[in-house]
């Protein structure tokens, strides 16, 4: 686990190892998702980068409206 410190300006610096592993770059935008006391940072990527992501996915067995209450 890598720990970072929140600065007096409420900023976090992402360690180089993490930036390199995830291919992050300066100026990139993130979605912030809170779950209780946990904060998730999700990198926002251009839709073009998602092309082919679901190729070959089988939609059988997924939930549908009948599963909802």
PDB file of N, CA and C in Angstrom:
ATOM      1  N   UNK A   1       0.847  -1.172   0.000  1.00  0.00           N
ATOM      2  CA  UNK A   1       0.000   0.000   0.000  1.00  0.00           C
ATOM      3  C   UNK A   1       0.892   1.235   0.000  1.00  0.00           C
ATOM      4  N   UNK A   2       0.539   2.192  -0.836  1.00  0.00           N
ATOM      5  CA  UNK A   2       1.274   3.450  -0.908  1.00  0.00           C
ATOM      6  C   UNK A   2       0.433   4.524  -0.225  1.00  0.00           C
ATOM      7  N   UNK A   3       1.036   5.283   0.678  1.00  0.00           N
ATOM      8  CA  UNK A   3       0.326   6.349   1.386  1.00  0.00           C
ATOM      9  C   UNK A   3       0.748   7.702   0.820  1.00  0.00           C
ATOM     10  N   UNK A   4      -0.205   8.613   0.702  1.00  0.00           N
ATOM     11  CA  UNK A   4       0.071   9.979   0.280  1.00  0.00           C
ATOM     12  C   UNK A   4      -0.520  10.922   1.319  1.00  0.00           C
ATOM     13  N   UNK A   5      -0.067  12.176   1.318  1.00  0.00           N
ATOM     14  CA  UNK A   5      -0.517  13.164   2.289  1.00  0.00           C
ATOM     15  C   UNK A   5      -1.291  14.273   1.599  1.00  0.00           C
ATOM     16  N   UNK A   6      -2.398  14.659   2.186  1.00  0.00           N
ATOM     17  CA  UNK A   6      -3.202  15.771   1.692  1.00  0.00           C
ATOM     18  C   UNK A   6      -2.497  17.069   2.077  1.00  0.00           C
ATOM     19  N   UNK A   7      -2.216  17.922   1.078  1.00  0.00           N
ATOM     20  CA  UNK A   7      -1.480  19.160   1.349  1.00  0.00           C
ATOM     21  C   UNK A   7      -2.395  20.208   1.987  1.00  0.00           C
ATOM     22  N   UNK A   8      -1.798  21.316   2.407  1.00  0.00           N
ATOM     23  CA  UNK A   8      -2.580  22.409   3.002  1.00  0.00           C
ATOM     24  C   UNK A   8      -3.528  23.040   1.978  1.00  0.00           C
ATOM     25  N   UNK A   9      -3.267  22.795   0.689  1.00  0.00           N
ATOM     26  CA  UNK A   9      -4.147  23.281  -0.387  1.00  0.00           C
ATOM     27  C   UNK A   9      -5.138  22.190  -0.814  1.00  0.00           C
ATOM     28  N   UNK A  10      -5.256  21.135  -0.021  1.00  0.00           N
ATOM     29  CA  UNK A  10      -6.159  20.009  -0.277  1.00  0.00           C
ATOM     30  C   UNK A  10      -5.833  19.302  -1.590  1.00  0.00           C
ATOM     31  N   UNK A  11      -4.552  19.111  -1.867  1.00  0.00           N
ATOM     32  CA  UNK A  11      -4.105  18.421  -3.072  1.00  0.00           C
ATOM     33  C   UNK A  11      -3.391  17.136  -2.695  1.00  0.00           C
ATOM     34  N   UNK A  12      -3.508  16.134  -3.575  1.00  0.00           N
ATOM     35  CA  UNK A  12      -2.788  14.880  -3.423  1.00  0.00           C
ATOM     36  C   UNK A  12      -1.840  14.728  -4.599  1.00  0.00           C
ATOM     37  N   UNK A  13      -0.650  14.224  -4.359  1.00  0.00           N
ATOM     38  CA  UNK A  13       0.297  13.932  -5.437  1.00  0.00           C
ATOM     39  C   UNK A  13       0.307  12.422  -5.641  1.00  0.00           C
ATOM     40  N   UNK A  14       0.075  11.986  -6.877  1.00  0.00           N
ATOM     41  CA  UNK A  14       0.093  10.558  -7.187  1.00  0.00           C
ATOM     42  C   UNK A  14       1.545  10.134  -7.445  1.00  0.00           C
ATOM     43  N   UNK A  15       2.006   9.098  -6.783  1.00  0.00           N
ATOM     44  CA  UNK A  15       3.385   8.648  -6.977  1.00  0.00           C
ATOM     45  C   UNK A  15       3.639   8.235  -8.433  1.00  0.00           C
ATOM     46  N   UNK A  16       4.874   8.421  -8.886  1.00  0.00           N
ATOM     47  CA  UNK A  16       5.257   8.139 -10.270  1.00  0.00           C
ATOM     48  C   UNK A  16       4.961   6.693 -10.651  1.00  0.00           C
ATOM     49  N   UNK A  17       5.207   5.761  -9.753  1.00  0.00           N
ATOM     50  CA  UNK A  17       4.963   4.344 -10.052  1.00  0.00           C
ATOM     51  C   UNK A  17       3.494   4.104 -10.425  1.00  0.00           C
ATOM     52  N   UNK A  18       2.575   4.759  -9.710  1.00  0.00           N
ATOM     53  CA  UNK A  18       1.134   4.618  -9.990  1.00  0.00           C
ATOM     54  C   UNK A  18       0.797   5.297 -11.312  1.00  0.00           C
ATOM     55  N   UNK A  19       1.339   6.514 -11.522  1.00  0.00           N
ATOM     56  CA  UNK A  19       1.062   7.238 -12.778  1.00  0.00           C
ATOM     57  C   UNK A  19       1.525   6.428 -13.975  1.00  0.00           C
ATOM     58  N   UNK A  20       2.710   5.852 -13.876  1.00  0.00           N
ATOM     59  CA  UNK A  20       3.243   5.057 -14.983  1.00  0.00           C
ATOM     60  C   UNK A  20       2.427   3.788 -15.209  1.00  0.00           C
ATOM     61  N   UNK A  21       2.067   3.113 -14.126  1.00  0.00           N
ATOM     62  CA  UNK A  21       1.303   1.864 -14.222  1.00  0.00           C
ATOM     63  C   UNK A  21      -0.050   2.086 -14.897  1.00  0.00           C
ATOM     64  N   UNK A  22      -0.711   3.204 -14.581  1.00  0.00           N
ATOM     65  CA  UNK A  22      -2.044   3.479 -15.121  1.00  0.00           C
ATOM     66  C   UNK A  22      -2.020   4.358 -16.363  1.00  0.00           C
ATOM     67  N   UNK A  23      -0.856   4.818 -16.762  1.00  0.00           N
ATOM     68  CA  UNK A  23      -0.761   5.653 -17.957  1.00  0.00           C
ATOM     69  C   UNK A  23      -1.410   7.015 -17.779  1.00  0.00           C
ATOM     70  N   UNK A  24      -1.279   7.602 -16.606  1.00  0.00           N
ATOM     71  CA  UNK A  24      -1.882   8.903 -16.305  1.00  0.00           C
ATOM     72  C   UNK A  24      -0.966  10.021 -16.767  1.00  0.00           C
ATOM     73  N   UNK A  25      -1.556  11.178 -17.050  1.00  0.00           N
ATOM     74  CA  UNK A  25      -0.763  12.319 -17.495  1.00  0.00           C
ATOM     75  C   UNK A  25      -1.281  13.600 -16.853  1.00  0.00           C
ATOM     76  N   UNK A  26      -0.449  14.633 -16.849  1.00  0.00           N
ATOM     77  CA  UNK A  26      -0.822  15.920 -16.247  1.00  0.00           C
ATOM     78  C   UNK A  26      -2.040  16.491 -16.952  1.00  0.00           C
ATOM     79  N   UNK A  27      -2.959  17.026 -16.189  1.00  0.00           N
ATOM     80  CA  UNK A  27      -4.166  17.629 -16.740  1.00  0.00           C
ATOM     81  C   UNK A  27      -5.308  16.656 -16.940  1.00  0.00           C
ATOM     82  N   UNK A  28      -5.069  15.369 -16.704  1.00  0.00           N
ATOM     83  CA  UNK A  28      -6.126  14.366 -16.884  1.00  0.00           C
ATOM     84  C   UNK A  28      -7.216  14.574 -15.838  1.00  0.00           C
ATOM     85  N   UNK A  29      -8.449  14.322 -16.222  1.00  0.00           N
ATOM     86  CA  UNK A  29      -9.587  14.493 -15.319  1.00  0.00           C
ATOM     87  C   UNK A  29      -9.960  13.154 -14.690  1.00  0.00           C
ATOM     88  N   UNK A  30     -10.538  13.247 -13.478  1.00  0.00           N
ATOM     89  CA  UNK A  30     -10.950  12.075 -12.726  1.00  0.00           C
ATOM     90  C   UNK A  30     -12.384  12.258 -12.238  1.00  0.00           C
ATOM     91  N   UNK A  31     -13.107  11.159 -12.118  1.00  0.00           N
ATOM     92  CA  UNK A  31     -14.393  11.153 -11.436  1.00  0.00           C
ATOM     93  C   UNK A  31     -14.110  10.768  -9.989  1.00  0.00           C
ATOM     94  N   UNK A  32     -14.722  11.462  -9.053  1.00  0.00           N
ATOM     95  CA  UNK A  32     -14.590  11.144  -7.632  1.00  0.00           C
ATOM     96  C   UNK A  32     -15.861  10.449  -7.177  1.00  0.00           C
ATOM     97  N   UNK A  33     -15.712   9.284  -6.604  1.00  0.00           N
ATOM     98  CA  UNK A  33     -16.852   8.506  -6.135  1.00  0.00           C
ATOM     99  C   UNK A  33     -16.643   8.243  -4.654  1.00  0.00           C
ATOM    100  N   UNK A  34     -17.620   8.600  -3.837  1.00  0.00           N
ATOM    101  CA  UNK A  34     -17.517   8.338  -2.402  1.00  0.00           C
ATOM    102  C   UNK A  34     -18.419   7.167  -2.030  1.00  0.00           C
ATOM    103  N   UNK A  35     -17.880   6.292  -1.213  1.00  0.00           N
ATOM    104  CA  UNK A  35     -18.618   5.138  -0.694  1.00  0.00           C
ATOM    105  C   UNK A  35     -18.329   5.080   0.794  1.00  0.00           C
ATOM    106  N   UNK A  36     -19.213   5.670   1.581  1.00  0.00           N
ATOM    107  CA  UNK A  36     -18.971   5.751   3.021  1.00  0.00           C
ATOM    108  C   UNK A  36     -17.776   6.650   3.264  1.00  0.00           C
ATOM    109  N   UNK A  37     -16.741   6.118   3.898  1.00  0.00           N
ATOM    110  CA  UNK A  37     -15.547   6.916   4.178  1.00  0.00           C
ATOM    111  C   UNK A  37     -14.435   6.666   3.152  1.00  0.00           C
ATOM    112  N   UNK A  38     -14.771   6.007   2.039  1.00  0.00           N
ATOM    113  CA  UNK A  38     -13.796   5.692   0.990  1.00  0.00           C
ATOM    114  C   UNK A  38     -14.001   6.628  -0.200  1.00  0.00           C
ATOM    115  N   UNK A  39     -12.899   7.140  -0.750  1.00  0.00           N
ATOM    116  CA  UNK A  39     -12.940   7.982  -1.946  1.00  0.00           C
ATOM    117  C   UNK A  39     -12.250   7.227  -3.071  1.00  0.00           C
ATOM    118  N   UNK A  40     -12.944   7.042  -4.188  1.00  0.00           N
ATOM    119  CA  UNK A  40     -12.352   6.394  -5.354  1.00  0.00           C
ATOM    120  C   UNK A  40     -12.074   7.450  -6.412  1.00  0.00           C
ATOM    121  N   UNK A  41     -10.892   7.394  -7.012  1.00  0.00           N
ATOM    122  CA  UNK A  41     -10.533   8.260  -8.130  1.00  0.00           C
ATOM    123  C   UNK A  41     -10.574   7.396  -9.384  1.00  0.00           C
ATOM    124  N   UNK A  42     -11.437   7.748 -10.322  1.00  0.00           N
ATOM    125  CA  UNK A  42     -11.560   6.981 -11.555  1.00  0.00           C
ATOM    126  C   UNK A  42     -11.134   7.869 -12.717  1.00  0.00           C
ATOM    127  N   UNK A  43     -10.047   7.501 -13.421  1.00  0.00           N
ATOM    128  CA  UNK A  43      -9.598   8.330 -14.537  1.00  0.00           C
ATOM    129  C   UNK A  43     -10.654   8.373 -15.634  1.00  0.00           C
ATOM    130  N   UNK A  44     -10.951   9.568 -16.117  1.00  0.00           N
ATOM    131  CA  UNK A  44     -11.866   9.713 -17.236  1.00  0.00           C
ATOM    132  C   UNK A  44     -11.049   9.603 -18.512  1.00  0.00           C
ATOM    133  N   UNK A  45     -11.480   8.741 -19.385  1.00  0.00           N
ATOM    134  CA  UNK A  45     -10.760   8.524 -20.637  1.00  0.00           C
ATOM    135  C   UNK A  45     -11.681   8.853 -21.806  1.00  0.00           C
ATOM    136  N   UNK A  46     -11.108   9.276 -22.923  1.00  0.00           N
ATOM    137  CA  UNK A  46     -11.935   9.558 -24.101  1.00  0.00           C
ATOM    138  C   UNK A  46     -12.697   8.310 -24.537  1.00  0.00           C
ATOM    139  N   UNK A  47     -13.900   8.488 -25.054  1.00  0.00           N
ATOM    140  CA  UNK A  47     -14.734   7.358 -25.471  1.00  0.00           C
ATOM    141  C   UNK A  47     -14.042   6.538 -26.549  1.00  0.00           C
ATOM    142  N   UNK A  48     -13.191   7.165 -27.349  1.00  0.00           N
ATOM    143  CA  UNK A  48     -12.488   6.441 -28.414  1.00  0.00           C
ATOM    144  C   UNK A  48     -11.599   5.335 -27.853  1.00  0.00           C
ATOM    145  N   UNK A  49     -11.087   5.539 -26.635  1.00  0.00           N
ATOM    146  CA  UNK A  49     -10.222   4.535 -26.011  1.00  0.00           C
ATOM    147  C   UNK A  49     -11.003   3.286 -25.594  1.00  0.00           C
ATOM    148  N   UNK A  50     -12.341   3.390 -25.532  1.00  0.00           N
ATOM    149  CA  UNK A  50     -13.179   2.270 -25.110  1.00  0.00           C
ATOM    150  C   UNK A  50     -13.571   1.373 -26.282  1.00  0.00           C
ATOM    151  N   UNK A  51     -13.256   1.774 -27.491  1.00  0.00           N
ATOM    152  CA  UNK A  51     -13.638   0.997 -28.671  1.00  0.00           C
ATOM    153  C   UNK A  51     -13.088  -0.433 -28.560  1.00  0.00           C
ATOM    154  N   UNK A  52     -13.975  -1.400 -28.739  1.00  0.00           N
ATOM    155  CA  UNK A  52     -13.580  -2.803 -28.680  1.00  0.00           C
ATOM    156  C   UNK A  52     -13.493  -3.373 -27.283  1.00  0.00           C
ATOM    157  N   UNK A  53     -13.780  -2.582 -26.280  1.00  0.00           N
ATOM    158  CA  UNK A  53     -13.665  -3.034 -24.896  1.00  0.00           C
ATOM    159  C   UNK A  53     -14.583  -4.220 -24.594  1.00  0.00           C
ATOM    160  N   UNK A  54     -15.791  -4.206 -25.160  1.00  0.00           N
ATOM    161  CA  UNK A  54     -16.774  -5.257 -24.874  1.00  0.00           C
ATOM    162  C   UNK A  54     -16.901  -6.270 -26.001  1.00  0.00           C
ATOM    163  N   UNK A  55     -15.962  -6.276 -26.921  1.00  0.00           N
ATOM    164  CA  UNK A  55     -16.007  -7.198 -28.043  1.00  0.00           C
ATOM    165  C   UNK A  55     -16.059  -8.631 -27.533  1.00  0.00           C
ATOM    166  N   UNK A  56     -17.019  -9.379 -28.035  1.00  0.00           N
ATOM    167  CA  UNK A  56     -17.160 -10.775 -27.640  1.00  0.00           C
ATOM    168  C   UNK A  56     -17.899 -10.987 -26.335  1.00  0.00           C
ATOM    169  N   UNK A  57     -18.415  -9.926 -25.736  1.00  0.00           N
ATOM    170  CA  UNK A  57     -19.154 -10.065 -24.472  1.00  0.00           C
ATOM    171  C   UNK A  57     -20.458 -10.817 -24.722  1.00  0.00           C
ATOM    172  N   UNK A  58     -20.805 -11.688 -23.830  1.00  0.00           N
ATOM    173  CA  UNK A  58     -22.028 -12.471 -23.937  1.00  0.00           C
ATOM    174  C   UNK A  58     -23.059 -11.888 -22.976  1.00  0.00           C
ATOM    175  N   UNK A  59     -24.149 -11.302 -23.492  1.00  0.00           N
ATOM    176  CA  UNK A  59     -25.138 -10.669 -22.618  1.00  0.00           C
ATOM    177  C   UNK A  59     -26.086 -11.654 -21.929  1.00  0.00           C
ATOM    178  N   UNK A  60     -25.938 -12.937 -22.180  1.00  0.00           N
ATOM    179  CA  UNK A  60     -26.816 -13.928 -21.555  1.00  0.00           C
ATOM    180  C   UNK A  60     -26.584 -13.968 -20.048  1.00  0.00           C
ATOM    181  N   UNK A  61     -27.650 -14.072 -19.293  1.00  0.00           N
ATOM    182  CA  UNK A  61     -27.542 -14.221 -17.851  1.00  0.00           C
ATOM    183  C   UNK A  61     -27.411 -12.925 -17.075  1.00  0.00           C
ATOM    184  N   UNK A  62     -27.393 -11.779 -17.772  1.00  0.00           N
ATOM    185  CA  UNK A  62     -27.351 -10.506 -17.057  1.00  0.00           C
ATOM    186  C   UNK A  62     -28.721 -10.188 -16.480  1.00  0.00           C
ATOM    187  N   UNK A  63     -28.745  -9.399 -15.427  1.00  0.00           N
ATOM    188  CA  UNK A  63     -30.015  -8.997 -14.819  1.00  0.00           C
ATOM    189  C   UNK A  63     -30.813  -8.148 -15.786  1.00  0.00           C
ATOM    190  N   UNK A  64     -32.113  -8.216 -15.672  1.00  0.00           N
ATOM    191  CA  UNK A  64     -32.971  -7.339 -16.459  1.00  0.00           C
ATOM    192  C   UNK A  64     -34.010  -6.731 -15.518  1.00  0.00           C
ATOM    193  N   UNK A  65     -34.953  -6.047 -16.068  1.00  0.00           N
ATOM    194  CA  UNK A  65     -35.947  -5.335 -15.249  1.00  0.00           C
ATOM    195  C   UNK A  65     -36.757  -6.261 -14.364  1.00  0.00           C
ATOM    196  N   UNK A  66     -36.920  -7.516 -14.725  1.00  0.00           N
ATOM    197  CA  UNK A  66     -37.699  -8.443 -13.899  1.00  0.00           C
ATOM    198  C   UNK A  66     -37.010  -8.730 -12.571  1.00  0.00           C
ATOM    199  N   UNK A  67     -35.696  -8.500 -12.505  1.00  0.00           N
ATOM    200  CA  UNK A  67     -34.954  -8.743 -11.261  1.00  0.00           C
ATOM    201  C   UNK A  67     -35.071  -7.604 -10.268  1.00  0.00           C
ATOM    202  N   UNK A  68     -35.605  -6.489 -10.699  1.00  0.00           N
ATOM    203  CA  UNK A  68     -35.668  -5.308  -9.834  1.00  0.00           C
ATOM    204  C   UNK A  68     -36.944  -5.299  -9.018  1.00  0.00           C
ATOM    205  N   UNK A  69     -36.853  -4.651  -7.889  1.00  0.00           N
ATOM    206  CA  UNK A  69     -38.018  -4.565  -7.005  1.00  0.00           C
ATOM    207  C   UNK A  69     -38.720  -3.263  -7.179  1.00  0.00           C
TER     208      UNK A  69
END
